[in-house]
């Protein structure tokens, strides 16, 4: 009925998105 319990700090990462890598990885 509900989501699993989780302790989330505001400074925790929510998402990681990659840059285009125009000049390197």
PDBML (XML) file of the C-alpha atoms, coordinates in Angstrom:
<?xml version="1.0" encoding="UTF-8" ?>
<PDBx:datablock datablockName="MODEL"
   xmlns:PDBx="http://pdbml.pdb.org/schema/pdbx-v50.xsd"
   xmlns:xsi="http://www.w3.org/2001/XMLSchema-instance"
   xsi:schemaLocation="http://pdbml.pdb.org/schema/pdbx-v50.xsd pdbx-v50.xsd">
   <PDBx:atom_siteCategory>
      <PDBx:atom_site id="1">
         <PDBx:B_iso_or_equiv>0.00</PDBx:B_iso_or_equiv>
         <PDBx:Cartn_x>0.000</PDBx:Cartn_x>
         <PDBx:Cartn_y>0.000</PDBx:Cartn_y>
         <PDBx:Cartn_z>0.000</PDBx:Cartn_z>
         <PDBx:auth_asym_id>A</PDBx:auth_asym_id>
         <PDBx:auth_atom_id>CA</PDBx:auth_atom_id>
         <PDBx:auth_comp_id>UNK</PDBx:auth_comp_id>
         <PDBx:auth_seq_id>1</PDBx:auth_seq_id>
         <PDBx:group_PDB>ATOM</PDBx:group_PDB>
         <PDBx:label_alt_id xsi:nil="true" />
         <PDBx:label_asym_id>A</PDBx:label_asym_id>
         <PDBx:label_atom_id>CA</PDBx:label_atom_id>
         <PDBx:label_comp_id>UNK</PDBx:label_comp_id>
         <PDBx:label_entity_id>1</PDBx:label_entity_id>
         <PDBx:label_seq_id>1</PDBx:label_seq_id>
         <PDBx:occupancy>1.00</PDBx:occupancy>
         <PDBx:pdbx_PDB_model_num>1</PDBx:pdbx_PDB_model_num>
         <PDBx:type_symbol>C</PDBx:type_symbol>
      </PDBx:atom_site>
      <PDBx:atom_site id="2">
         <PDBx:B_iso_or_equiv>0.00</PDBx:B_iso_or_equiv>
         <PDBx:Cartn_x>2.909</PDBx:Cartn_x>
         <PDBx:Cartn_y>2.382</PDBx:Cartn_y>
         <PDBx:Cartn_z>0.526</PDBx:Cartn_z>
         <PDBx:auth_asym_id>A</PDBx:auth_asym_id>
         <PDBx:auth_atom_id>CA</PDBx:auth_atom_id>
         <PDBx:auth_comp_id>UNK</PDBx:auth_comp_id>
         <PDBx:auth_seq_id>2</PDBx:auth_seq_id>
         <PDBx:group_PDB>ATOM</PDBx:group_PDB>
         <PDBx:label_alt_id xsi:nil="true" />
         <PDBx:label_asym_id>A</PDBx:label_asym_id>
         <PDBx:label_atom_id>CA</PDBx:label_atom_id>
         <PDBx:label_comp_id>UNK</PDBx:label_comp_id>
         <PDBx:label_entity_id>1</PDBx:label_entity_id>
         <PDBx:label_seq_id>2</PDBx:label_seq_id>
         <PDBx:occupancy>1.00</PDBx:occupancy>
         <PDBx:pdbx_PDB_model_num>1</PDBx:pdbx_PDB_model_num>
         <PDBx:type_symbol>C</PDBx:type_symbol>
      </PDBx:atom_site>
      <PDBx:atom_site id="3">
         <PDBx:B_iso_or_equiv>0.00</PDBx:B_iso_or_equiv>
         <PDBx:Cartn_x>6.436</PDBx:Cartn_x>
         <PDBx:Cartn_y>3.064</PDBx:Cartn_y>
         <PDBx:Cartn_z>-0.619</PDBx:Cartn_z>
         <PDBx:auth_asym_id>A</PDBx:auth_asym_id>
         <PDBx:auth_atom_id>CA</PDBx:auth_atom_id>
         <PDBx:auth_comp_id>UNK</PDBx:auth_comp_id>
         <PDBx:auth_seq_id>3</PDBx:auth_seq_id>
         <PDBx:group_PDB>ATOM</PDBx:group_PDB>
         <PDBx:label_alt_id xsi:nil="true" />
         <PDBx:label_asym_id>A</PDBx:label_asym_id>
         <PDBx:label_atom_id>CA</PDBx:label_atom_id>
         <PDBx:label_comp_id>UNK</PDBx:label_comp_id>
         <PDBx:label_entity_id>1</PDBx:label_entity_id>
         <PDBx:label_seq_id>3</PDBx:label_seq_id>
         <PDBx:occupancy>1.00</PDBx:occupancy>
         <PDBx:pdbx_PDB_model_num>1</PDBx:pdbx_PDB_model_num>
         <PDBx:type_symbol>C</PDBx:type_symbol>
      </PDBx:atom_site>
      <PDBx:atom_site id="4">
         <PDBx:B_iso_or_equiv>0.00</PDBx:B_iso_or_equiv>
         <PDBx:Cartn_x>9.292</PDBx:Cartn_x>
         <PDBx:Cartn_y>1.414</PDBx:Cartn_y>
         <PDBx:Cartn_z>1.288</PDBx:Cartn_z>
         <PDBx:auth_asym_id>A</PDBx:auth_asym_id>
         <PDBx:auth_atom_id>CA</PDBx:auth_atom_id>
         <PDBx:auth_comp_id>UNK</PDBx:auth_comp_id>
         <PDBx:auth_seq_id>4</PDBx:auth_seq_id>
         <PDBx:group_PDB>ATOM</PDBx:group_PDB>
         <PDBx:label_alt_id xsi:nil="true" />
         <PDBx:label_asym_id>A</PDBx:label_asym_id>
         <PDBx:label_atom_id>CA</PDBx:label_atom_id>
         <PDBx:label_comp_id>UNK</PDBx:label_comp_id>
         <PDBx:label_entity_id>1</PDBx:label_entity_id>
         <PDBx:label_seq_id>4</PDBx:label_seq_id>
         <PDBx:occupancy>1.00</PDBx:occupancy>
         <PDBx:pdbx_PDB_model_num>1</PDBx:pdbx_PDB_model_num>
         <PDBx:type_symbol>C</PDBx:type_symbol>
      </PDBx:atom_site>
      <PDBx:atom_site id="5">
         <PDBx:B_iso_or_equiv>0.00</PDBx:B_iso_or_equiv>
         <PDBx:Cartn_x>10.504</PDBx:Cartn_x>
         <PDBx:Cartn_y>3.507</PDBx:Cartn_y>
         <PDBx:Cartn_z>4.208</PDBx:Cartn_z>
         <PDBx:auth_asym_id>A</PDBx:auth_asym_id>
         <PDBx:auth_atom_id>CA</PDBx:auth_atom_id>
         <PDBx:auth_comp_id>UNK</PDBx:auth_comp_id>
         <PDBx:auth_seq_id>5</PDBx:auth_seq_id>
         <PDBx:group_PDB>ATOM</PDBx:group_PDB>
         <PDBx:label_alt_id xsi:nil="true" />
         <PDBx:label_asym_id>A</PDBx:label_asym_id>
         <PDBx:label_atom_id>CA</PDBx:label_atom_id>
         <PDBx:label_comp_id>UNK</PDBx:label_comp_id>
         <PDBx:label_entity_id>1</PDBx:label_entity_id>
         <PDBx:label_seq_id>5</PDBx:label_seq_id>
         <PDBx:occupancy>1.00</PDBx:occupancy>
         <PDBx:pdbx_PDB_model_num>1</PDBx:pdbx_PDB_model_num>
         <PDBx:type_symbol>C</PDBx:type_symbol>
      </PDBx:atom_site>
      <PDBx:atom_site id="6">
         <PDBx:B_iso_or_equiv>0.00</PDBx:B_iso_or_equiv>
         <PDBx:Cartn_x>13.583</PDBx:Cartn_x>
         <PDBx:Cartn_y>5.568</PDBx:Cartn_y>
         <PDBx:Cartn_z>3.369</PDBx:Cartn_z>
         <PDBx:auth_asym_id>A</PDBx:auth_asym_id>
         <PDBx:auth_atom_id>CA</PDBx:auth_atom_id>
         <PDBx:auth_comp_id>UNK</PDBx:auth_comp_id>
         <PDBx:auth_seq_id>6</PDBx:auth_seq_id>
         <PDBx:group_PDB>ATOM</PDBx:group_PDB>
         <PDBx:label_alt_id xsi:nil="true" />
         <PDBx:label_asym_id>A</PDBx:label_asym_id>
         <PDBx:label_atom_id>CA</PDBx:label_atom_id>
         <PDBx:label_comp_id>UNK</PDBx:label_comp_id>
         <PDBx:label_entity_id>1</PDBx:label_entity_id>
         <PDBx:label_seq_id>6</PDBx:label_seq_id>
         <PDBx:occupancy>1.00</PDBx:occupancy>
         <PDBx:pdbx_PDB_model_num>1</PDBx:pdbx_PDB_model_num>
         <PDBx:type_symbol>C</PDBx:type_symbol>
      </PDBx:atom_site>
      <PDBx:atom_site id="7">
         <PDBx:B_iso_or_equiv>0.00</PDBx:B_iso_or_equiv>
         <PDBx:Cartn_x>15.602</PDBx:Cartn_x>
         <PDBx:Cartn_y>8.239</PDBx:Cartn_y>
         <PDBx:Cartn_z>5.122</PDBx:Cartn_z>
         <PDBx:auth_asym_id>A</PDBx:auth_asym_id>
         <PDBx:auth_atom_id>CA</PDBx:auth_atom_id>
         <PDBx:auth_comp_id>UNK</PDBx:auth_comp_id>
         <PDBx:auth_seq_id>7</PDBx:auth_seq_id>
         <PDBx:group_PDB>ATOM</PDBx:group_PDB>
         <PDBx:label_alt_id xsi:nil="true" />
         <PDBx:label_asym_id>A</PDBx:label_asym_id>
         <PDBx:label_atom_id>CA</PDBx:label_atom_id>
         <PDBx:label_comp_id>UNK</PDBx:label_comp_id>
         <PDBx:label_entity_id>1</PDBx:label_entity_id>
         <PDBx:label_seq_id>7</PDBx:label_seq_id>
         <PDBx:occupancy>1.00</PDBx:occupancy>
         <PDBx:pdbx_PDB_model_num>1</PDBx:pdbx_PDB_model_num>
         <PDBx:type_symbol>C</PDBx:type_symbol>
      </PDBx:atom_site>
      <PDBx:atom_site id="8">
         <PDBx:B_iso_or_equiv>0.00</PDBx:B_iso_or_equiv>
         <PDBx:Cartn_x>16.532</PDBx:Cartn_x>
         <PDBx:Cartn_y>10.853</PDBx:Cartn_y>
         <PDBx:Cartn_z>2.521</PDBx:Cartn_z>
         <PDBx:auth_asym_id>A</PDBx:auth_asym_id>
         <PDBx:auth_atom_id>CA</PDBx:auth_atom_id>
         <PDBx:auth_comp_id>UNK</PDBx:auth_comp_id>
         <PDBx:auth_seq_id>8</PDBx:auth_seq_id>
         <PDBx:group_PDB>ATOM</PDBx:group_PDB>
         <PDBx:label_alt_id xsi:nil="true" />
         <PDBx:label_asym_id>A</PDBx:label_asym_id>
         <PDBx:label_atom_id>CA</PDBx:label_atom_id>
         <PDBx:label_comp_id>UNK</PDBx:label_comp_id>
         <PDBx:label_entity_id>1</PDBx:label_entity_id>
         <PDBx:label_seq_id>8</PDBx:label_seq_id>
         <PDBx:occupancy>1.00</PDBx:occupancy>
         <PDBx:pdbx_PDB_model_num>1</PDBx:pdbx_PDB_model_num>
         <PDBx:type_symbol>C</PDBx:type_symbol>
      </PDBx:atom_site>
      <PDBx:atom_site id="9">
         <PDBx:B_iso_or_equiv>0.00</PDBx:B_iso_or_equiv>
         <PDBx:Cartn_x>18.744</PDBx:Cartn_x>
         <PDBx:Cartn_y>13.810</PDBx:Cartn_y>
         <PDBx:Cartn_z>3.354</PDBx:Cartn_z>
         <PDBx:auth_asym_id>A</PDBx:auth_asym_id>
         <PDBx:auth_atom_id>CA</PDBx:auth_atom_id>
         <PDBx:auth_comp_id>UNK</PDBx:auth_comp_id>
         <PDBx:auth_seq_id>9</PDBx:auth_seq_id>
         <PDBx:group_PDB>ATOM</PDBx:group_PDB>
         <PDBx:label_alt_id xsi:nil="true" />
         <PDBx:label_asym_id>A</PDBx:label_asym_id>
         <PDBx:label_atom_id>CA</PDBx:label_atom_id>
         <PDBx:label_comp_id>UNK</PDBx:label_comp_id>
         <PDBx:label_entity_id>1</PDBx:label_entity_id>
         <PDBx:label_seq_id>9</PDBx:label_seq_id>
         <PDBx:occupancy>1.00</PDBx:occupancy>
         <PDBx:pdbx_PDB_model_num>1</PDBx:pdbx_PDB_model_num>
         <PDBx:type_symbol>C</PDBx:type_symbol>
      </PDBx:atom_site>
      <PDBx:atom_site id="10">
         <PDBx:B_iso_or_equiv>0.00</PDBx:B_iso_or_equiv>
         <PDBx:Cartn_x>18.062</PDBx:Cartn_x>
         <PDBx:Cartn_y>17.005</PDBx:Cartn_y>
         <PDBx:Cartn_z>1.368</PDBx:Cartn_z>
         <PDBx:auth_asym_id>A</PDBx:auth_asym_id>
         <PDBx:auth_atom_id>CA</PDBx:auth_atom_id>
         <PDBx:auth_comp_id>UNK</PDBx:auth_comp_id>
         <PDBx:auth_seq_id>10</PDBx:auth_seq_id>
         <PDBx:group_PDB>ATOM</PDBx:group_PDB>
         <PDBx:label_alt_id xsi:nil="true" />
         <PDBx:label_asym_id>A</PDBx:label_asym_id>
         <PDBx:label_atom_id>CA</PDBx:label_atom_id>
         <PDBx:label_comp_id>UNK</PDBx:label_comp_id>
         <PDBx:label_entity_id>1</PDBx:label_entity_id>
         <PDBx:label_seq_id>10</PDBx:label_seq_id>
         <PDBx:occupancy>1.00</PDBx:occupancy>
         <PDBx:pdbx_PDB_model_num>1</PDBx:pdbx_PDB_model_num>
         <PDBx:type_symbol>C</PDBx:type_symbol>
      </PDBx:atom_site>
      <PDBx:atom_site id="11">
         <PDBx:B_iso_or_equiv>0.00</PDBx:B_iso_or_equiv>
         <PDBx:Cartn_x>21.715</PDBx:Cartn_x>
         <PDBx:Cartn_y>16.979</PDBx:Cartn_y>
         <PDBx:Cartn_z>0.244</PDBx:Cartn_z>
         <PDBx:auth_asym_id>A</PDBx:auth_asym_id>
         <PDBx:auth_atom_id>CA</PDBx:auth_atom_id>
         <PDBx:auth_comp_id>UNK</PDBx:auth_comp_id>
         <PDBx:auth_seq_id>11</PDBx:auth_seq_id>
         <PDBx:group_PDB>ATOM</PDBx:group_PDB>
         <PDBx:label_alt_id xsi:nil="true" />
         <PDBx:label_asym_id>A</PDBx:label_asym_id>
         <PDBx:label_atom_id>CA</PDBx:label_atom_id>
         <PDBx:label_comp_id>UNK</PDBx:label_comp_id>
         <PDBx:label_entity_id>1</PDBx:label_entity_id>
         <PDBx:label_seq_id>11</PDBx:label_seq_id>
         <PDBx:occupancy>1.00</PDBx:occupancy>
         <PDBx:pdbx_PDB_model_num>1</PDBx:pdbx_PDB_model_num>
         <PDBx:type_symbol>C</PDBx:type_symbol>
      </PDBx:atom_site>
      <PDBx:atom_site id="12">
         <PDBx:B_iso_or_equiv>0.00</PDBx:B_iso_or_equiv>
         <PDBx:Cartn_x>21.478</PDBx:Cartn_x>
         <PDBx:Cartn_y>13.410</PDBx:Cartn_y>
         <PDBx:Cartn_z>-1.118</PDBx:Cartn_z>
         <PDBx:auth_asym_id>A</PDBx:auth_asym_id>
         <PDBx:auth_atom_id>CA</PDBx:auth_atom_id>
         <PDBx:auth_comp_id>UNK</PDBx:auth_comp_id>
         <PDBx:auth_seq_id>12</PDBx:auth_seq_id>
         <PDBx:group_PDB>ATOM</PDBx:group_PDB>
         <PDBx:label_alt_id xsi:nil="true" />
         <PDBx:label_asym_id>A</PDBx:label_asym_id>
         <PDBx:label_atom_id>CA</PDBx:label_atom_id>
         <PDBx:label_comp_id>UNK</PDBx:label_comp_id>
         <PDBx:label_entity_id>1</PDBx:label_entity_id>
         <PDBx:label_seq_id>12</PDBx:label_seq_id>
         <PDBx:occupancy>1.00</PDBx:occupancy>
         <PDBx:pdbx_PDB_model_num>1</PDBx:pdbx_PDB_model_num>
         <PDBx:type_symbol>C</PDBx:type_symbol>
      </PDBx:atom_site>
      <PDBx:atom_site id="13">
         <PDBx:B_iso_or_equiv>0.00</PDBx:B_iso_or_equiv>
         <PDBx:Cartn_x>21.657</PDBx:Cartn_x>
         <PDBx:Cartn_y>12.997</PDBx:Cartn_y>
         <PDBx:Cartn_z>-4.897</PDBx:Cartn_z>
         <PDBx:auth_asym_id>A</PDBx:auth_asym_id>
         <PDBx:auth_atom_id>CA</PDBx:auth_atom_id>
         <PDBx:auth_comp_id>UNK</PDBx:auth_comp_id>
         <PDBx:auth_seq_id>13</PDBx:auth_seq_id>
         <PDBx:group_PDB>ATOM</PDBx:group_PDB>
         <PDBx:label_alt_id xsi:nil="true" />
         <PDBx:label_asym_id>A</PDBx:label_asym_id>
         <PDBx:label_atom_id>CA</PDBx:label_atom_id>
         <PDBx:label_comp_id>UNK</PDBx:label_comp_id>
         <PDBx:label_entity_id>1</PDBx:label_entity_id>
         <PDBx:label_seq_id>13</PDBx:label_seq_id>
         <PDBx:occupancy>1.00</PDBx:occupancy>
         <PDBx:pdbx_PDB_model_num>1</PDBx:pdbx_PDB_model_num>
         <PDBx:type_symbol>C</PDBx:type_symbol>
      </PDBx:atom_site>
      <PDBx:atom_site id="14">
         <PDBx:B_iso_or_equiv>0.00</PDBx:B_iso_or_equiv>
         <PDBx:Cartn_x>18.273</PDBx:Cartn_x>
         <PDBx:Cartn_y>12.694</PDBx:Cartn_y>
         <PDBx:Cartn_z>-6.577</PDBx:Cartn_z>
         <PDBx:auth_asym_id>A</PDBx:auth_asym_id>
         <PDBx:auth_atom_id>CA</PDBx:auth_atom_id>
         <PDBx:auth_comp_id>UNK</PDBx:auth_comp_id>
         <PDBx:auth_seq_id>14</PDBx:auth_seq_id>
         <PDBx:group_PDB>ATOM</PDBx:group_PDB>
         <PDBx:label_alt_id xsi:nil="true" />
         <PDBx:label_asym_id>A</PDBx:label_asym_id>
         <PDBx:label_atom_id>CA</PDBx:label_atom_id>
         <PDBx:label_comp_id>UNK</PDBx:label_comp_id>
         <PDBx:label_entity_id>1</PDBx:label_entity_id>
         <PDBx:label_seq_id>14</PDBx:label_seq_id>
         <PDBx:occupancy>1.00</PDBx:occupancy>
         <PDBx:pdbx_PDB_model_num>1</PDBx:pdbx_PDB_model_num>
         <PDBx:type_symbol>C</PDBx:type_symbol>
      </PDBx:atom_site>
      <PDBx:atom_site id="15">
         <PDBx:B_iso_or_equiv>0.00</PDBx:B_iso_or_equiv>
         <PDBx:Cartn_x>19.573</PDBx:Cartn_x>
         <PDBx:Cartn_y>12.248</PDBx:Cartn_y>
         <PDBx:Cartn_z>-10.109</PDBx:Cartn_z>
         <PDBx:auth_asym_id>A</PDBx:auth_asym_id>
         <PDBx:auth_atom_id>CA</PDBx:auth_atom_id>
         <PDBx:auth_comp_id>UNK</PDBx:auth_comp_id>
         <PDBx:auth_seq_id>15</PDBx:auth_seq_id>
         <PDBx:group_PDB>ATOM</PDBx:group_PDB>
         <PDBx:label_alt_id xsi:nil="true" />
         <PDBx:label_asym_id>A</PDBx:label_asym_id>
         <PDBx:label_atom_id>CA</PDBx:label_atom_id>
         <PDBx:label_comp_id>UNK</PDBx:label_comp_id>
         <PDBx:label_entity_id>1</PDBx:label_entity_id>
         <PDBx:label_seq_id>15</PDBx:label_seq_id>
         <PDBx:occupancy>1.00</PDBx:occupancy>
         <PDBx:pdbx_PDB_model_num>1</PDBx:pdbx_PDB_model_num>
         <PDBx:type_symbol>C</PDBx:type_symbol>
      </PDBx:atom_site>
      <PDBx:atom_site id="16">
         <PDBx:B_iso_or_equiv>0.00</PDBx:B_iso_or_equiv>
         <PDBx:Cartn_x>22.750</PDBx:Cartn_x>
         <PDBx:Cartn_y>12.168</PDBx:Cartn_y>
         <PDBx:Cartn_z>-12.159</PDBx:Cartn_z>
         <PDBx:auth_asym_id>A</PDBx:auth_asym_id>
         <PDBx:auth_atom_id>CA</PDBx:auth_atom_id>
         <PDBx:auth_comp_id>UNK</PDBx:auth_comp_id>
         <PDBx:auth_seq_id>16</PDBx:auth_seq_id>
         <PDBx:group_PDB>ATOM</PDBx:group_PDB>
         <PDBx:label_alt_id xsi:nil="true" />
         <PDBx:label_asym_id>A</PDBx:label_asym_id>
         <PDBx:label_atom_id>CA</PDBx:label_atom_id>
         <PDBx:label_comp_id>UNK</PDBx:label_comp_id>
         <PDBx:label_entity_id>1</PDBx:label_entity_id>
         <PDBx:label_seq_id>16</PDBx:label_seq_id>
         <PDBx:occupancy>1.00</PDBx:occupancy>
         <PDBx:pdbx_PDB_model_num>1</PDBx:pdbx_PDB_model_num>
         <PDBx:type_symbol>C</PDBx:type_symbol>
      </PDBx:atom_site>
      <PDBx:atom_site id="17">
         <PDBx:B_iso_or_equiv>0.00</PDBx:B_iso_or_equiv>
         <PDBx:Cartn_x>22.636</PDBx:Cartn_x>
         <PDBx:Cartn_y>13.407</PDBx:Cartn_y>
         <PDBx:Cartn_z>-15.746</PDBx:Cartn_z>
         <PDBx:auth_asym_id>A</PDBx:auth_asym_id>
         <PDBx:auth_atom_id>CA</PDBx:auth_atom_id>
         <PDBx:auth_comp_id>UNK</PDBx:auth_comp_id>
         <PDBx:auth_seq_id>17</PDBx:auth_seq_id>
         <PDBx:group_PDB>ATOM</PDBx:group_PDB>
         <PDBx:label_alt_id xsi:nil="true" />
         <PDBx:label_asym_id>A</PDBx:label_asym_id>
         <PDBx:label_atom_id>CA</PDBx:label_atom_id>
         <PDBx:label_comp_id>UNK</PDBx:label_comp_id>
         <PDBx:label_entity_id>1</PDBx:label_entity_id>
         <PDBx:label_seq_id>17</PDBx:label_seq_id>
         <PDBx:occupancy>1.00</PDBx:occupancy>
         <PDBx:pdbx_PDB_model_num>1</PDBx:pdbx_PDB_model_num>
         <PDBx:type_symbol>C</PDBx:type_symbol>
      </PDBx:atom_site>
      <PDBx:atom_site id="18">
         <PDBx:B_iso_or_equiv>0.00</PDBx:B_iso_or_equiv>
         <PDBx:Cartn_x>25.628</PDBx:Cartn_x>
         <PDBx:Cartn_y>13.285</PDBx:Cartn_y>
         <PDBx:Cartn_z>-18.053</PDBx:Cartn_z>
         <PDBx:auth_asym_id>A</PDBx:auth_asym_id>
         <PDBx:auth_atom_id>CA</PDBx:auth_atom_id>
         <PDBx:auth_comp_id>UNK</PDBx:auth_comp_id>
         <PDBx:auth_seq_id>18</PDBx:auth_seq_id>
         <PDBx:group_PDB>ATOM</PDBx:group_PDB>
         <PDBx:label_alt_id xsi:nil="true" />
         <PDBx:label_asym_id>A</PDBx:label_asym_id>
         <PDBx:label_atom_id>CA</PDBx:label_atom_id>
         <PDBx:label_comp_id>UNK</PDBx:label_comp_id>
         <PDBx:label_entity_id>1</PDBx:label_entity_id>
         <PDBx:label_seq_id>18</PDBx:label_seq_id>
         <PDBx:occupancy>1.00</PDBx:occupancy>
         <PDBx:pdbx_PDB_model_num>1</PDBx:pdbx_PDB_model_num>
         <PDBx:type_symbol>C</PDBx:type_symbol>
      </PDBx:atom_site>
      <PDBx:atom_site id="19">
         <PDBx:B_iso_or_equiv>0.00</PDBx:B_iso_or_equiv>
         <PDBx:Cartn_x>27.045</PDBx:Cartn_x>
         <PDBx:Cartn_y>16.208</PDBx:Cartn_y>
         <PDBx:Cartn_z>-19.992</PDBx:Cartn_z>
         <PDBx:auth_asym_id>A</PDBx:auth_asym_id>
         <PDBx:auth_atom_id>CA</PDBx:auth_atom_id>
         <PDBx:auth_comp_id>UNK</PDBx:auth_comp_id>
         <PDBx:auth_seq_id>19</PDBx:auth_seq_id>
         <PDBx:group_PDB>ATOM</PDBx:group_PDB>
         <PDBx:label_alt_id xsi:nil="true" />
         <PDBx:label_asym_id>A</PDBx:label_asym_id>
         <PDBx:label_atom_id>CA</PDBx:label_atom_id>
         <PDBx:label_comp_id>UNK</PDBx:label_comp_id>
         <PDBx:label_entity_id>1</PDBx:label_entity_id>
         <PDBx:label_seq_id>19</PDBx:label_seq_id>
         <PDBx:occupancy>1.00</PDBx:occupancy>
         <PDBx:pdbx_PDB_model_num>1</PDBx:pdbx_PDB_model_num>
         <PDBx:type_symbol>C</PDBx:type_symbol>
      </PDBx:atom_site>
      <PDBx:atom_site id="20">
         <PDBx:B_iso_or_equiv>0.00</PDBx:B_iso_or_equiv>
         <PDBx:Cartn_x>27.576</PDBx:Cartn_x>
         <PDBx:Cartn_y>15.948</PDBx:Cartn_y>
         <PDBx:Cartn_z>-23.732</PDBx:Cartn_z>
         <PDBx:auth_asym_id>A</PDBx:auth_asym_id>
         <PDBx:auth_atom_id>CA</PDBx:auth_atom_id>
         <PDBx:auth_comp_id>UNK</PDBx:auth_comp_id>
         <PDBx:auth_seq_id>20</PDBx:auth_seq_id>
         <PDBx:group_PDB>ATOM</PDBx:group_PDB>
         <PDBx:label_alt_id xsi:nil="true" />
         <PDBx:label_asym_id>A</PDBx:label_asym_id>
         <PDBx:label_atom_id>CA</PDBx:label_atom_id>
         <PDBx:label_comp_id>UNK</PDBx:label_comp_id>
         <PDBx:label_entity_id>1</PDBx:label_entity_id>
         <PDBx:label_seq_id>20</PDBx:label_seq_id>
         <PDBx:occupancy>1.00</PDBx:occupancy>
         <PDBx:pdbx_PDB_model_num>1</PDBx:pdbx_PDB_model_num>
         <PDBx:type_symbol>C</PDBx:type_symbol>
      </PDBx:atom_site>
      <PDBx:atom_site id="21">
         <PDBx:B_iso_or_equiv>0.00</PDBx:B_iso_or_equiv>
         <PDBx:Cartn_x>31.289</PDBx:Cartn_x>
         <PDBx:Cartn_y>15.123</PDBx:Cartn_y>
         <PDBx:Cartn_z>-23.505</PDBx:Cartn_z>
         <PDBx:auth_asym_id>A</PDBx:auth_asym_id>
         <PDBx:auth_atom_id>CA</PDBx:auth_atom_id>
         <PDBx:auth_comp_id>UNK</PDBx:auth_comp_id>
         <PDBx:auth_seq_id>21</PDBx:auth_seq_id>
         <PDBx:group_PDB>ATOM</PDBx:group_PDB>
         <PDBx:label_alt_id xsi:nil="true" />
         <PDBx:label_asym_id>A</PDBx:label_asym_id>
         <PDBx:label_atom_id>CA</PDBx:label_atom_id>
         <PDBx:label_comp_id>UNK</PDBx:label_comp_id>
         <PDBx:label_entity_id>1</PDBx:label_entity_id>
         <PDBx:label_seq_id>21</PDBx:label_seq_id>
         <PDBx:occupancy>1.00</PDBx:occupancy>
         <PDBx:pdbx_PDB_model_num>1</PDBx:pdbx_PDB_model_num>
         <PDBx:type_symbol>C</PDBx:type_symbol>
      </PDBx:atom_site>
      <PDBx:atom_site id="22">
         <PDBx:B_iso_or_equiv>0.00</PDBx:B_iso_or_equiv>
         <PDBx:Cartn_x>32.158</PDBx:Cartn_x>
         <PDBx:Cartn_y>17.583</PDBx:Cartn_y>
         <PDBx:Cartn_z>-26.272</PDBx:Cartn_z>
         <PDBx:auth_asym_id>A</PDBx:auth_asym_id>
         <PDBx:auth_atom_id>CA</PDBx:auth_atom_id>
         <PDBx:auth_comp_id>UNK</PDBx:auth_comp_id>
         <PDBx:auth_seq_id>22</PDBx:auth_seq_id>
         <PDBx:group_PDB>ATOM</PDBx:group_PDB>
         <PDBx:label_alt_id xsi:nil="true" />
         <PDBx:label_asym_id>A</PDBx:label_asym_id>
         <PDBx:label_atom_id>CA</PDBx:label_atom_id>
         <PDBx:label_comp_id>UNK</PDBx:label_comp_id>
         <PDBx:label_entity_id>1</PDBx:label_entity_id>
         <PDBx:label_seq_id>22</PDBx:label_seq_id>
         <PDBx:occupancy>1.00</PDBx:occupancy>
         <PDBx:pdbx_PDB_model_num>1</PDBx:pdbx_PDB_model_num>
         <PDBx:type_symbol>C</PDBx:type_symbol>
      </PDBx:atom_site>
      <PDBx:atom_site id="23">
         <PDBx:B_iso_or_equiv>0.00</PDBx:B_iso_or_equiv>
         <PDBx:Cartn_x>35.794</PDBx:Cartn_x>
         <PDBx:Cartn_y>17.996</PDBx:Cartn_y>
         <PDBx:Cartn_z>-25.184</PDBx:Cartn_z>
         <PDBx:auth_asym_id>A</PDBx:auth_asym_id>
         <PDBx:auth_atom_id>CA</PDBx:auth_atom_id>
         <PDBx:auth_comp_id>UNK</PDBx:auth_comp_id>
         <PDBx:auth_seq_id>23</PDBx:auth_seq_id>
         <PDBx:group_PDB>ATOM</PDBx:group_PDB>
         <PDBx:label_alt_id xsi:nil="true" />
         <PDBx:label_asym_id>A</PDBx:label_asym_id>
         <PDBx:label_atom_id>CA</PDBx:label_atom_id>
         <PDBx:label_comp_id>UNK</PDBx:label_comp_id>
         <PDBx:label_entity_id>1</PDBx:label_entity_id>
         <PDBx:label_seq_id>23</PDBx:label_seq_id>
         <PDBx:occupancy>1.00</PDBx:occupancy>
         <PDBx:pdbx_PDB_model_num>1</PDBx:pdbx_PDB_model_num>
         <PDBx:type_symbol>C</PDBx:type_symbol>
      </PDBx:atom_site>
      <PDBx:atom_site id="24">
         <PDBx:B_iso_or_equiv>0.00</PDBx:B_iso_or_equiv>
         <PDBx:Cartn_x>36.314</PDBx:Cartn_x>
         <PDBx:Cartn_y>14.741</PDBx:Cartn_y>
         <PDBx:Cartn_z>-23.285</PDBx:Cartn_z>
         <PDBx:auth_asym_id>A</PDBx:auth_asym_id>
         <PDBx:auth_atom_id>CA</PDBx:auth_atom_id>
         <PDBx:auth_comp_id>UNK</PDBx:auth_comp_id>
         <PDBx:auth_seq_id>24</PDBx:auth_seq_id>
         <PDBx:group_PDB>ATOM</PDBx:group_PDB>
         <PDBx:label_alt_id xsi:nil="true" />
         <PDBx:label_asym_id>A</PDBx:label_asym_id>
         <PDBx:label_atom_id>CA</PDBx:label_atom_id>
         <PDBx:label_comp_id>UNK</PDBx:label_comp_id>
         <PDBx:label_entity_id>1</PDBx:label_entity_id>
         <PDBx:label_seq_id>24</PDBx:label_seq_id>
         <PDBx:occupancy>1.00</PDBx:occupancy>
         <PDBx:pdbx_PDB_model_num>1</PDBx:pdbx_PDB_model_num>
         <PDBx:type_symbol>C</PDBx:type_symbol>
      </PDBx:atom_site>
      <PDBx:atom_site id="25">
         <PDBx:B_iso_or_equiv>0.00</PDBx:B_iso_or_equiv>
         <PDBx:Cartn_x>34.394</PDBx:Cartn_x>
         <PDBx:Cartn_y>12.065</PDBx:Cartn_y>
         <PDBx:Cartn_z>-21.452</PDBx:Cartn_z>
         <PDBx:auth_asym_id>A</PDBx:auth_asym_id>
         <PDBx:auth_atom_id>CA</PDBx:auth_atom_id>
         <PDBx:auth_comp_id>UNK</PDBx:auth_comp_id>
         <PDBx:auth_seq_id>25</PDBx:auth_seq_id>
         <PDBx:group_PDB>ATOM</PDBx:group_PDB>
         <PDBx:label_alt_id xsi:nil="true" />
         <PDBx:label_asym_id>A</PDBx:label_asym_id>
         <PDBx:label_atom_id>CA</PDBx:label_atom_id>
         <PDBx:label_comp_id>UNK</PDBx:label_comp_id>
         <PDBx:label_entity_id>1</PDBx:label_entity_id>
         <PDBx:label_seq_id>25</PDBx:label_seq_id>
         <PDBx:occupancy>1.00</PDBx:occupancy>
         <PDBx:pdbx_PDB_model_num>1</PDBx:pdbx_PDB_model_num>
         <PDBx:type_symbol>C</PDBx:type_symbol>
      </PDBx:atom_site>
   </PDBx:atom_siteCategory>
</PDBx:datablock>
